[in-house]
Amino acid sequence: MTGRSSATRTPSADLLIAVENLARAGSTEDVVEIVRSSARRLIGSDGVALVIREDDACHYIEEDAIGPLWKGHQFQLSECISGWAMLHKQTVTVPDVFTDERIPHHLYRQTFVRSLIMAPIGHDHPIGALGAYWAQVYEPTDYEIATVETLARATANALENARLVAALSRALAQAELARDELRHRVKNAYLAAQSLAVLSLPPDYSRVFSARIAALARAHELIDQKMARQASITISELLSAELEPYGHDAPDRLVVDGPAIVLDSAQAVALGLAINELATNALKYGALATPKGRLDVHWRLDGNHLVLDWREADGPEVRTAALESFGSRLLRRLIEGQLRGSIVRRLERCGVTCTLEFPLASVQASHVPSEVSR
């Protein structure tokens, strides 16, 4: 047995096609089939075998040969030449298998094989091996060795790509499942809140409360559906969906005004959570806690930064402690952490004001303001 380093040779057109097909393979099964159907013809051998390493074992998973080899069998790395190639990270040629002590002769006597090439699949950490076999004592040419090594390298890349695609598919499937479960839980939470209102509150109060809960549910569903269909949303759409539930029982209490700026999905989600938190605080402590309270939300562009002003008026007196709640910490994490921006909240005589500023991922804006009043 002699060790061979990787040979350099311009591949044939057929070999290039095989390498391209491996690069496009979408699964491990596709990779195995491409190797099975093309390797023997490209090499010109009497047989080929694809071996995958499984812990300390060599698993012969596929073959194409003039007679049966070892498909479906597993051997210890130290018991077969494919294991030798993987452990030594080196291509080997064996002109006569029955004169080499590293060959398990009793296994080869059951086959047609008299000579072979074995190349590791993967350079630094081989994950398998590709073998080519001949039925007579034979010294493979440099071109044949180079072809086996080229296919082995392409197979290593293809198997790694297939592994990444499979991992991504599993992650996406899990994300889809988690999203569907979250949707189901949120919907149930809204329904439970409405049911508790009907059971616990006087009819007049329960109707108002249920209407608000239903509006919140519709806003959540609208944003969820829109972000599922597209990668961006305008600030007007986002704010209208988030604030629409708070304008039903007091017309004209909300004014939402600013240029038509588009947010990507990541920024839209973070800003939507921030607006929801501001609205929740205003409902508990500020302008949205009374029918006479008013809320103005204006935004503008300052270079590539979005500046959004939230101004409450005519609500109940708000104590400074209300601004330092858990909601304040959440707002800072959203604006300063996720959006890489800044937030300034102030308690003025007319009510709470808040200014959010953060850089936009990309600036897409119209110079004509779009106004939404309720």
Protein backbone atom coordinates (compact mmCIF):
# COMPACT_ATOMS: atom_id res chain seq x y z
CA MET A 1 0.00 0.00 0.00
CA THR A 2 1.31 3.46 -0.79
CA GLY A 3 0.07 6.86 0.37
CA ARG A 4 -0.73 9.42 -2.33
CA SER A 5 -1.16 13.17 -1.91
CA SER A 6 -3.92 14.96 -3.83
CA ALA A 7 -3.06 15.15 -7.53
CA THR A 8 -3.80 18.23 -9.61
CA ARG A 9 -5.38 17.69 -12.99
CA THR A 10 -7.93 19.50 -15.10
CA PRO A 11 -11.18 17.52 -14.76
CA SER A 12 -13.17 16.33 -17.74
CA ALA A 13 -16.49 17.85 -18.77
CA ASP A 14 -18.36 14.87 -17.28
CA LEU A 15 -16.55 15.28 -14.00
CA LEU A 16 -17.45 18.97 -13.92
CA ILE A 17 -21.09 18.06 -14.46
CA ALA A 18 -20.96 15.58 -11.57
CA VAL A 19 -19.36 18.18 -9.29
CA GLU A 20 -22.01 20.74 -10.25
CA ASN A 21 -24.77 18.22 -9.57
CA LEU A 22 -23.30 17.51 -6.15
CA ALA A 23 -23.18 21.24 -5.41
CA ARG A 24 -26.91 21.47 -6.18
CA ALA A 25 -27.89 18.39 -4.17
CA GLY A 26 -30.52 19.21 -1.58
CA SER A 27 -30.34 16.12 0.62
CA THR A 28 -28.05 13.29 1.68
CA GLU A 29 -30.11 10.92 -0.46
CA ASP A 30 -29.47 13.10 -3.52
CA VAL A 31 -25.73 13.10 -2.81
CA VAL A 32 -25.61 9.33 -2.47
CA GLU A 33 -27.53 8.82 -5.72
CA ILE A 34 -25.28 11.20 -7.69
CA VAL A 35 -22.16 9.41 -6.46
CA ARG A 36 -23.67 5.98 -7.14
CA SER A 37 -24.75 6.84 -10.66
CA SER A 38 -21.65 8.73 -11.84
CA ALA A 39 -18.51 7.72 -9.94
CA ARG A 40 -17.81 4.35 -11.55
CA ARG A 41 -18.30 5.68 -15.08
CA LEU A 42 -16.06 8.70 -14.42
CA ILE A 43 -13.28 6.68 -12.83
CA GLY A 44 -13.45 3.74 -15.23
CA SER A 45 -13.27 1.18 -12.44
CA ASP A 46 -15.08 -2.12 -11.94
CA GLY A 47 -16.78 -0.87 -8.80
CA VAL A 48 -17.21 2.04 -6.40
CA ALA A 49 -18.41 2.28 -2.79
CA LEU A 50 -19.48 5.20 -0.61
CA VAL A 51 -18.58 4.84 3.06
CA ILE A 52 -19.80 7.06 5.91
CA ARG A 53 -18.14 7.25 9.30
CA GLU A 54 -20.43 6.55 12.24
CA ASP A 55 -18.49 7.07 15.47
CA ASP A 56 -15.74 4.39 15.35
CA ALA A 57 -17.31 2.43 12.51
CA CYS A 58 -17.27 2.53 8.71
CA HIS A 59 -20.73 2.12 7.23
CA TYR A 60 -20.82 1.06 3.56
CA ILE A 61 -24.02 2.81 2.51
CA GLU A 62 -23.96 2.53 -1.31
CA GLU A 63 -22.12 0.80 -4.15
CA ASP A 64 -22.11 0.26 -7.90
CA ALA A 65 -20.00 -2.71 -9.07
CA ILE A 66 -19.79 -5.77 -11.28
CA GLY A 67 -20.37 -7.89 -8.18
CA PRO A 68 -21.52 -7.43 -4.59
CA LEU A 69 -19.26 -5.56 -2.19
CA TRP A 70 -20.21 -4.64 1.40
CA LYS A 71 -23.32 -2.43 1.11
CA GLY A 72 -25.18 -2.30 4.41
CA HIS A 73 -22.26 -3.65 6.44
CA GLN A 74 -20.32 -1.86 9.16
CA PHE A 75 -16.70 -2.42 10.20
CA GLN A 76 -14.44 -0.88 12.80
CA LEU A 77 -12.20 1.92 11.54
CA SER A 78 -9.15 -0.16 12.32
CA GLU A 79 -10.49 -3.16 10.36
CA CYS A 80 -10.85 -1.71 6.87
CA ILE A 81 -8.94 0.43 4.39
CA SER A 82 -11.65 3.10 4.36
CA GLY A 83 -11.02 3.58 8.08
CA TRP A 84 -7.29 3.84 7.40
CA ALA A 85 -7.91 6.61 4.84
CA MET A 86 -10.13 8.51 7.28
CA LEU A 87 -7.83 8.15 10.27
CA HIS A 88 -4.74 9.17 8.27
CA LYS A 89 -6.59 11.83 6.23
CA GLN A 90 -4.86 10.49 3.13
CA THR A 91 -5.71 8.86 -0.18
CA VAL A 92 -4.30 5.35 -0.51
CA THR A 93 -3.82 3.01 -3.47
CA VAL A 94 -3.49 -0.76 -3.16
CA PRO A 95 -2.30 -2.43 -6.42
CA ASP A 96 -2.85 -5.92 -4.93
CA VAL A 97 -5.11 -6.31 -1.91
CA PHE A 98 -3.70 -9.75 -1.04
CA THR A 99 -0.15 -8.46 -0.55
CA ASP A 100 -1.03 -5.73 1.91
CA GLU A 101 -1.27 -6.61 5.60
CA ARG A 102 -3.75 -3.79 6.35
CA ILE A 103 -6.38 -5.35 4.14
CA PRO A 104 -8.80 -7.83 5.82
CA HIS A 105 -8.13 -10.59 3.28
CA HIS A 106 -11.00 -12.82 4.42
CA LEU A 107 -13.51 -10.09 3.49
CA TYR A 108 -11.98 -9.52 0.07
CA ARG A 109 -11.90 -13.21 -0.87
CA GLN A 110 -15.69 -13.03 -1.01
CA THR A 111 -15.54 -10.30 -3.71
CA PHE A 112 -14.02 -9.65 -7.13
CA VAL A 113 -11.69 -6.94 -5.79
CA ARG A 114 -7.91 -7.20 -6.41
CA SER A 115 -6.87 -3.51 -6.37
CA LEU A 116 -8.34 -0.21 -5.16
CA ILE A 117 -8.14 3.51 -4.49
CA MET A 118 -9.62 4.89 -1.25
CA ALA A 119 -9.93 8.67 -0.70
CA PRO A 120 -11.19 10.33 2.49
CA ILE A 121 -14.33 12.48 2.26
CA GLY A 122 -13.39 15.66 4.09
CA HIS A 123 -9.90 17.02 4.72
CA ASP A 124 -9.50 18.07 8.35
CA HIS A 125 -12.21 15.85 9.82
CA PRO A 126 -13.12 13.12 7.33
CA ILE A 127 -16.75 12.04 7.53
CA GLY A 128 -16.43 9.16 5.10
CA ALA A 129 -14.50 7.68 2.20
CA LEU A 130 -14.94 7.00 -1.50
CA GLY A 131 -13.49 3.77 -2.88
CA ALA A 132 -12.82 2.62 -6.45
CA TYR A 133 -12.10 -1.08 -7.17
CA TRP A 134 -10.64 -3.20 -9.99
CA ALA A 135 -10.99 -6.92 -10.62
CA GLN A 136 -7.31 -7.40 -11.47
CA VAL A 137 -3.98 -6.38 -10.03
CA TYR A 138 -3.71 -2.79 -11.19
CA GLU A 139 -1.72 0.40 -10.62
CA PRO A 140 -4.20 3.31 -10.93
CA THR A 141 -3.16 6.27 -13.04
CA ASP A 142 -2.67 9.77 -11.68
CA TYR A 143 -5.81 10.85 -13.50
CA GLU A 144 -7.89 8.10 -11.88
CA ILE A 145 -6.55 9.03 -8.46
CA ALA A 146 -7.28 12.72 -9.12
CA THR A 147 -10.84 11.87 -10.22
CA VAL A 148 -11.54 9.89 -7.05
CA GLU A 149 -10.13 12.72 -4.91
CA THR A 150 -12.10 15.38 -6.78
CA LEU A 151 -15.33 13.43 -6.31
CA ALA A 152 -14.50 12.87 -2.64
CA ARG A 153 -13.97 16.61 -2.05
CA ALA A 154 -17.19 17.48 -3.89
CA THR A 155 -19.04 14.82 -1.91
CA ALA A 156 -17.74 16.24 1.38
CA ASN A 157 -19.03 19.71 0.47
CA ALA A 158 -22.36 18.30 -0.73
CA LEU A 159 -22.91 16.26 2.44
CA GLU A 160 -22.13 19.28 4.62
CA ASN A 161 -24.55 21.42 2.59
CA ALA A 162 -27.21 18.72 2.91
CA ARG A 163 -26.65 18.60 6.66
CA LEU A 164 -27.05 22.38 6.93
CA VAL A 165 -30.19 22.32 4.79
CA ALA A 166 -31.66 19.56 6.95
CA ALA A 167 -30.81 21.47 10.14
CA LEU A 168 -32.33 24.65 8.73
CA SER A 169 -35.47 22.78 7.68
CA ARG A 170 -35.85 21.36 11.18
CA ALA A 171 -35.32 24.79 12.72
CA LEU A 172 -37.89 26.36 10.40
CA ALA A 173 -40.38 23.60 11.14
CA GLN A 174 -39.87 24.12 14.88
CA ALA A 175 -40.24 27.89 14.46
CA GLU A 176 -43.46 27.41 12.50
CA LEU A 177 -44.77 25.10 15.20
CA ALA A 178 -43.82 27.56 17.95
CA ARG A 179 -45.43 30.45 16.05
CA ASP A 180 -48.65 28.50 15.54
CA GLU A 181 -48.71 27.53 19.21
CA LEU A 182 -48.12 31.15 20.21
CA ARG A 183 -50.96 32.30 17.96
CA HIS A 184 -53.24 29.71 19.52
CA ARG A 185 -52.28 30.73 23.06
CA VAL A 186 -52.75 34.45 22.35
CA LYS A 187 -56.14 33.82 20.80
CA ASN A 188 -57.18 31.74 23.81
CA ALA A 189 -55.96 34.47 26.16
CA TYR A 190 -58.17 37.05 24.44
CA LEU A 191 -61.16 34.70 24.55
CA ALA A 192 -60.53 33.94 28.23
CA ALA A 193 -60.36 37.66 29.05
CA GLN A 194 -63.66 38.28 27.28
CA SER A 195 -65.32 35.38 29.09
CA LEU A 196 -64.09 36.61 32.48
CA ALA A 197 -65.41 40.08 31.70
CA VAL A 198 -68.85 38.72 30.91
CA LEU A 199 -68.89 36.63 34.10
CA SER A 200 -67.35 39.18 36.46
CA LEU A 201 -68.38 42.68 35.36
CA PRO A 202 -71.74 44.45 35.15
CA PRO A 203 -73.23 44.27 31.61
CA ASP A 204 -72.39 47.88 30.69
CA TYR A 205 -68.75 47.53 31.76
CA SER A 206 -68.31 44.06 30.28
CA ARG A 207 -69.52 45.25 26.85
CA VAL A 208 -66.96 48.08 26.78
CA PHE A 209 -64.20 45.83 28.08
CA SER A 210 -65.05 43.04 25.62
CA ALA A 211 -65.04 45.52 22.75
CA ARG A 212 -61.52 46.62 23.68
CA ILE A 213 -60.32 43.05 23.99
CA ALA A 214 -61.82 42.22 20.59
CA ALA A 215 -60.11 45.28 19.07
CA LEU A 216 -56.77 44.23 20.56
CA ALA A 217 -57.24 40.74 19.13
CA ARG A 218 -57.97 42.17 15.68
CA ALA A 219 -54.91 44.43 15.86
CA HIS A 220 -52.69 41.51 16.84
CA GLU A 221 -54.09 39.37 14.03
CA LEU A 222 -53.70 42.17 11.48
CA ILE A 223 -50.02 42.72 12.29
CA ASP A 224 -49.34 38.98 12.43
CA GLN A 225 -50.94 38.38 9.01
CA LYS A 226 -49.26 41.38 7.39
CA MET A 227 -45.79 40.48 8.66
CA ALA A 228 -46.31 36.87 7.57
CA ARG A 229 -47.05 37.96 3.98
CA GLN A 230 -44.40 40.65 3.55
CA ALA A 231 -41.02 41.69 4.93
CA SER A 232 -41.97 45.31 5.74
CA ILE A 233 -44.77 47.53 7.03
CA THR A 234 -45.30 51.30 7.16
CA ILE A 235 -45.28 53.11 10.49
CA SER A 236 -48.85 54.30 9.83
CA GLU A 237 -50.05 50.71 9.42
CA LEU A 238 -48.18 49.59 12.51
CA LEU A 239 -49.42 52.42 14.75
CA SER A 240 -52.98 52.22 13.46
CA ALA A 241 -53.12 48.52 14.26
CA GLU A 242 -51.56 48.95 17.71
CA LEU A 243 -53.63 52.00 18.76
CA GLU A 244 -56.96 51.33 17.03
CA PRO A 245 -58.38 49.46 20.08
CA TYR A 246 -58.00 52.59 22.24
CA GLY A 247 -60.00 54.92 20.02
CA HIS A 248 -63.40 53.22 19.92
CA ASP A 249 -65.05 54.80 22.96
CA ALA A 250 -63.67 58.33 22.46
CA PRO A 251 -63.61 59.61 18.85
CA ASP A 252 -60.81 62.01 17.89
CA ARG A 253 -58.76 61.20 21.00
CA LEU A 254 -55.95 59.75 18.86
CA VAL A 255 -53.92 61.59 16.21
CA VAL A 256 -51.27 59.64 14.32
CA ASP A 257 -49.30 61.71 11.84
CA GLY A 258 -46.05 61.47 9.87
CA PRO A 259 -44.43 60.59 6.56
CA ALA A 260 -44.94 57.14 5.02
CA ILE A 261 -41.81 55.43 6.31
CA VAL A 262 -41.34 51.71 5.75
CA LEU A 263 -39.91 49.47 8.49
CA ASP A 264 -38.40 46.06 7.96
CA SER A 265 -39.88 43.15 9.92
CA ALA A 266 -37.29 43.12 12.74
CA GLN A 267 -37.63 46.85 13.44
CA ALA A 268 -41.42 46.70 13.07
CA VAL A 269 -41.71 43.98 15.69
CA ALA A 270 -39.50 45.86 18.18
CA LEU A 271 -41.25 49.20 17.62
CA GLY A 272 -44.67 47.52 17.78
CA LEU A 273 -43.80 46.05 21.19
CA ALA A 274 -42.59 49.47 22.37
CA ILE A 275 -45.80 51.20 21.19
CA ASN A 276 -47.88 48.49 22.84
CA GLU A 277 -46.02 49.07 26.11
CA LEU A 278 -46.51 52.85 25.92
CA ALA A 279 -50.22 52.37 25.18
CA THR A 280 -50.60 49.91 28.07
CA ASN A 281 -48.97 52.39 30.46
CA ALA A 282 -51.18 55.19 29.12
CA LEU A 283 -54.23 52.98 29.71
CA LYS A 284 -53.19 52.26 33.30
CA TYR A 285 -51.78 55.62 34.35
CA GLY A 286 -52.11 58.22 31.59
CA ALA A 287 -54.20 59.80 28.87
CA LEU A 288 -55.94 56.60 27.78
CA ALA A 289 -57.26 55.99 31.31
CA THR A 290 -60.06 58.57 30.87
CA PRO A 291 -62.42 59.33 27.96
CA LYS A 292 -61.16 62.95 27.86
CA GLY A 293 -57.52 62.00 27.49
CA ARG A 294 -55.79 62.66 24.18
CA LEU A 295 -52.79 61.09 22.49
CA ASP A 296 -50.74 62.58 19.65
CA VAL A 297 -48.10 60.47 17.93
CA HIS A 298 -45.90 62.27 15.38
CA TRP A 299 -42.77 61.04 13.64
CA ARG A 300 -40.21 62.44 11.24
CA LEU A 301 -36.91 61.62 9.60
CA ASP A 302 -33.66 63.13 10.86
CA GLY A 303 -31.08 61.95 8.35
CA ASN A 304 -31.41 58.17 8.42
CA HIS A 305 -32.87 58.21 11.95
CA LEU A 306 -36.53 57.90 12.81
CA VAL A 307 -37.69 60.30 15.54
CA LEU A 308 -41.09 59.50 17.07
CA ASP A 309 -42.81 61.80 19.59
CA TRP A 310 -45.49 60.36 21.88
CA ARG A 311 -47.50 63.06 23.68
CA GLU A 312 -50.31 62.46 26.16
CA ALA A 313 -52.67 65.20 27.38
CA ASP A 314 -55.75 65.74 29.56
CA GLY A 315 -55.29 62.50 31.47
CA PRO A 316 -55.09 61.93 35.24
CA GLU A 317 -52.11 63.10 37.24
CA VAL A 318 -49.22 60.72 36.68
CA ARG A 319 -46.61 60.17 39.37
CA THR A 320 -42.95 59.89 38.52
CA ALA A 321 -42.89 56.37 39.96
CA ALA A 322 -45.14 55.23 37.13
CA LEU A 323 -42.40 56.07 34.64
CA GLU A 324 -39.89 53.83 36.42
CA SER A 325 -41.93 50.65 36.22
CA PHE A 326 -40.95 47.32 34.65
CA GLY A 327 -42.37 48.76 31.43
CA SER A 328 -39.64 51.39 31.43
CA ARG A 329 -36.94 48.73 31.58
CA LEU A 330 -38.63 46.82 28.78
CA LEU A 331 -38.82 49.96 26.64
CA ARG A 332 -35.12 50.62 27.10
CA ARG A 333 -34.23 47.07 26.13
CA LEU A 334 -36.37 47.37 22.99
CA ILE A 335 -35.22 50.82 21.87
CA GLU A 336 -31.64 50.90 23.11
CA GLY A 337 -30.89 47.18 22.83
CA GLN A 338 -32.73 45.89 19.77
CA LEU A 339 -33.11 49.11 17.78
CA ARG A 340 -29.76 50.65 18.82
CA GLY A 341 -31.50 53.94 19.54
CA SER A 342 -32.43 56.18 22.48
CA ILE A 343 -35.55 56.93 24.52
CA VAL A 344 -36.39 60.00 26.62
CA ARG A 345 -39.53 60.00 28.79
CA ARG A 346 -40.73 63.13 30.57
CA LEU A 347 -43.56 63.93 32.98
CA GLU A 348 -44.91 67.34 31.96
CA ARG A 349 -47.90 69.33 33.23
CA CYS A 350 -50.09 68.22 30.34
CA GLY A 351 -49.09 64.58 30.63
CA VAL A 352 -46.41 62.07 29.69
CA THR A 353 -44.22 62.66 26.66
CA CYS A 354 -41.78 60.21 25.14
CA THR A 355 -39.30 60.61 22.29
CA LEU A 356 -37.93 57.54 20.53
CA GLU A 357 -35.05 57.75 18.08
CA PHE A 358 -33.26 54.97 16.22
CA PRO A 359 -31.46 54.41 12.88
CA LEU A 360 -33.51 52.86 10.12
CA ALA A 361 -32.25 49.75 8.36
CA SER A 362 -33.09 51.47 5.06
CA VAL A 363 -34.78 54.79 4.45
CA GLN A 364 -37.93 54.59 2.33
CA ALA A 365 -40.14 57.60 2.90
CA SER A 366 -42.64 59.81 1.14
CA HIS A 367 -42.53 63.57 1.62
CA VAL A 368 -46.34 63.70 1.85
CA PRO A 369 -47.56 63.16 5.45
CA SER A 370 -50.22 60.52 6.00
CA GLU A 371 -52.56 61.31 8.87
CA VAL A 372 -54.83 58.97 10.79
CA SER A 373 -57.19 60.48 13.38
CA ARG A 374 -59.66 58.73 15.63
